[in-house]
C-alpha atoms as a PDB file:
ATOM      1  CA  MET A   1     -26.356  -6.305 -24.503  1.00  0.00           C
ATOM      2  CA  ASN A   2     -27.811  -3.813 -22.048  1.00  0.00           C
ATOM      3  CA  ASP A   3     -26.078  -1.230 -19.896  1.00  0.00           C
ATOM      4  CA  THR A   4     -25.844  -3.496 -16.842  1.00  0.00           C
ATOM      5  CA  ASP A   5     -23.849  -6.040 -18.867  1.00  0.00           C
ATOM      6  CA  LYS A   6     -21.092  -3.436 -19.053  1.00  0.00           C
ATOM      7  CA  VAL A   7     -20.753  -3.114 -15.264  1.00  0.00           C
ATOM      8  CA  VAL A   8     -17.491  -4.499 -13.955  1.00  0.00           C
ATOM      9  CA  ALA A   9     -16.615  -4.858 -10.270  1.00  0.00           C
ATOM     10  CA  LEU A  10     -13.489  -2.837  -9.544  1.00  0.00           C
ATOM     11  CA  ARG A  11     -12.844  -4.519  -6.219  1.00  0.00           C
ATOM     12  CA  ARG A  12     -13.485  -8.031  -5.067  1.00  0.00           C
ATOM     13  CA  ALA A  13     -15.724  -8.599  -2.070  1.00  0.00           C
ATOM     14  CA  PRO A  14     -13.695  -8.840   1.153  1.00  0.00           C
ATOM     15  CA  GLU A  15     -12.978 -12.335   2.410  1.00  0.00           C
ATOM     16  CA  GLY A  16     -15.990 -13.868   4.131  1.00  0.00           C
ATOM     17  CA  ILE A  17     -18.504 -11.766   2.203  1.00  0.00           C
ATOM     18  CA  VAL A  18     -20.459 -13.468  -0.538  1.00  0.00           C
ATOM     19  CA  PRO A  19     -21.907 -10.945  -3.020  1.00  0.00           C
ATOM     20  CA  GLY A  20     -25.667 -10.794  -2.526  1.00  0.00           C
ATOM     21  CA  ASP A  21     -25.411 -12.484   0.878  1.00  0.00           C
ATOM     22  CA  ALA A  22     -26.561 -10.338   3.802  1.00  0.00           C
ATOM     23  CA  VAL A  23     -24.398 -12.276   6.278  1.00  0.00           C
ATOM     24  CA  ASN A  24     -20.695 -11.519   6.626  1.00  0.00           C
ATOM     25  CA  HIS A  25     -19.566 -14.988   7.645  1.00  0.00           C
ATOM     26  CA  SER A  26     -16.108 -13.885   8.785  1.00  0.00           C
ATOM     27  CA  VAL A  27     -17.743 -11.476  11.276  1.00  0.00           C
ATOM     28  CA  VAL A  28     -19.902 -14.300  12.620  1.00  0.00           C
ATOM     29  CA  GLU A  29     -16.830 -16.541  13.018  1.00  0.00           C
ATOM     30  CA  VAL A  30     -14.887 -13.850  14.912  1.00  0.00           C
ATOM     31  CA  LEU A  31     -17.828 -13.065  17.201  1.00  0.00           C
ATOM     32  CA  GLU A  32     -18.390 -16.754  17.993  1.00  0.00           C
ATOM     33  CA  LYS A  33     -14.675 -17.300  18.715  1.00  0.00           C
ATOM     34  CA  TYR A  34     -14.465 -14.441  21.191  1.00  0.00           C
ATOM     35  CA  LEU A  35     -17.871 -15.174  22.723  1.00  0.00           C
ATOM     36  CA  ASP A  36     -16.655 -18.675  23.560  1.00  0.00           C
ATOM     37  CA  GLN A  37     -13.513 -17.200  25.150  1.00  0.00           C
ATOM     38  CA  ALA A  38     -15.570 -14.705  27.170  1.00  0.00           C
ATOM     39  CA  ARG A  39     -17.841 -17.491  28.424  1.00  0.00           C
ATOM     40  CA  ARG A  40     -14.754 -19.355  29.668  1.00  0.00           C
ATOM     41  CA  GLY A  41     -13.620 -16.239  31.553  1.00  0.00           C
ATOM     42  CA  GLU A  42     -10.676 -15.620  29.233  1.00  0.00           C
ATOM     43  CA  ILE A  43     -11.767 -12.086  28.301  1.00  0.00           C
ATOM     44  CA  ASN A  44     -12.547  -9.317  30.770  1.00  0.00           C
ATOM     45  CA  GLY A  45     -12.375  -6.263  28.533  1.00  0.00           C
ATOM     46  CA  LEU A  46     -13.862  -5.483  25.139  1.00  0.00           C
ATOM     47  CA  ALA A  47     -14.236  -2.535  22.789  1.00  0.00           C
ATOM     48  CA  ALA A  48     -16.020  -2.814  19.463  1.00  0.00           C
ATOM     49  CA  ALA A  49     -17.061  -0.810  16.440  1.00  0.00           C
ATOM     50  CA  ILE A  50     -19.925  -2.107  14.324  1.00  0.00           C
ATOM     51  CA  VAL A  51     -20.817  -1.053  10.783  1.00  0.00           C
ATOM     52  CA  ARG A  52     -24.298  -1.986   9.613  1.00  0.00           C
ATOM     53  CA  PRO A  53     -25.357  -2.583   5.979  1.00  0.00           C
ATOM     54  CA  ASN A  54     -26.979   0.874   5.870  1.00  0.00           C
ATOM     55  CA  HIS A  55     -23.567   2.384   6.843  1.00  0.00           C
ATOM     56  CA  THR A  56     -24.632   3.422  10.339  1.00  0.00           C
ATOM     57  CA  VAL A  57     -22.141   2.650  13.064  1.00  0.00           C
ATOM     58  CA  ALA A  58     -22.224   1.741  16.723  1.00  0.00           C
ATOM     59  CA  THR A  59     -19.465   1.580  19.286  1.00  0.00           C
ATOM     60  CA  PHE A  60     -19.431   0.049  22.729  1.00  0.00           C
ATOM     61  CA  TRP A  61     -17.120  -1.185  25.414  1.00  0.00           C
ATOM     62  CA  SER A  62     -17.213  -3.216  28.556  1.00  0.00           C
ATOM     63  CA  SER A  63     -14.268  -3.667  30.852  1.00  0.00           C
ATOM     64  CA  THR A  64     -13.360  -4.275  34.440  1.00  0.00           C
ATOM     65  CA  GLU A  65     -10.402  -2.704  36.175  1.00  0.00           C
ATOM     66  CA  GLN A  66      -8.288  -3.027  33.023  1.00  0.00           C
ATOM     67  CA  GLY A  67      -9.646   0.072  31.298  1.00  0.00           C
ATOM     68  CA  HIS A  68      -6.168   1.344  30.409  1.00  0.00           C
ATOM     69  CA  ALA A  69      -5.356  -1.940  28.664  1.00  0.00           C
ATOM     70  CA  VAL A  70      -8.530  -1.644  26.572  1.00  0.00           C
ATOM     71  CA  LEU A  71      -7.629   1.943  25.692  1.00  0.00           C
ATOM     72  CA  GLY A  72      -4.150   0.847  24.600  1.00  0.00           C
ATOM     73  CA  ALA A  73      -5.620  -1.969  22.509  1.00  0.00           C
ATOM     74  CA  ILE A  74      -7.924   0.535  20.784  1.00  0.00           C
ATOM     75  CA  ALA A  75      -4.915   2.686  19.863  1.00  0.00           C
ATOM     76  CA  VAL A  76      -3.076  -0.322  18.418  1.00  0.00           C
ATOM     77  CA  LEU A  77      -6.198  -1.399  16.517  1.00  0.00           C
ATOM     78  CA  GLN A  78      -6.622   2.088  15.043  1.00  0.00           C
ATOM     79  CA  HIS A  79      -3.025   2.077  13.804  1.00  0.00           C
ATOM     80  CA  GLU A  80      -3.170  -1.460  12.356  1.00  0.00           C
ATOM     81  CA  TYR A  81      -6.564  -0.952  10.722  1.00  0.00           C
ATOM     82  CA  ALA A  82      -5.478   2.325   9.103  1.00  0.00           C
ATOM     83  CA  ARG A  83      -2.246   0.765   7.853  1.00  0.00           C
ATOM     84  CA  ASP A  84      -3.992  -2.282   6.396  1.00  0.00           C
ATOM     85  CA  THR A  85      -6.839  -0.257   4.863  1.00  0.00           C
ATOM     86  CA  LEU A  86      -4.478   2.248   3.235  1.00  0.00           C
ATOM     87  CA  SER A  87      -2.242  -0.509   1.871  1.00  0.00           C
ATOM     88  CA  ARG A  88      -5.207  -1.877  -0.139  1.00  0.00           C
ATOM     89  CA  THR A  89      -5.831   1.352  -2.023  1.00  0.00           C
END
């Protein structure tokens, strides 16, 4: 037995992530779903935060005259994401 045999994962990989797989399949599914909706004209505002494997982040937005609605959605997302993230710890 070597030292690496003693390593135990303390947390499971999040759903959609296969350990050792560079692709987060749940992210791909979400992006494809909303891309299809945008192509049909069902989405006219978007805000996103991206986290890359090297832990760098990017944010962007695109919206029409509904900028206040996007801002409100960001506030709701921040609250829900914080609540869900903190409930897992």
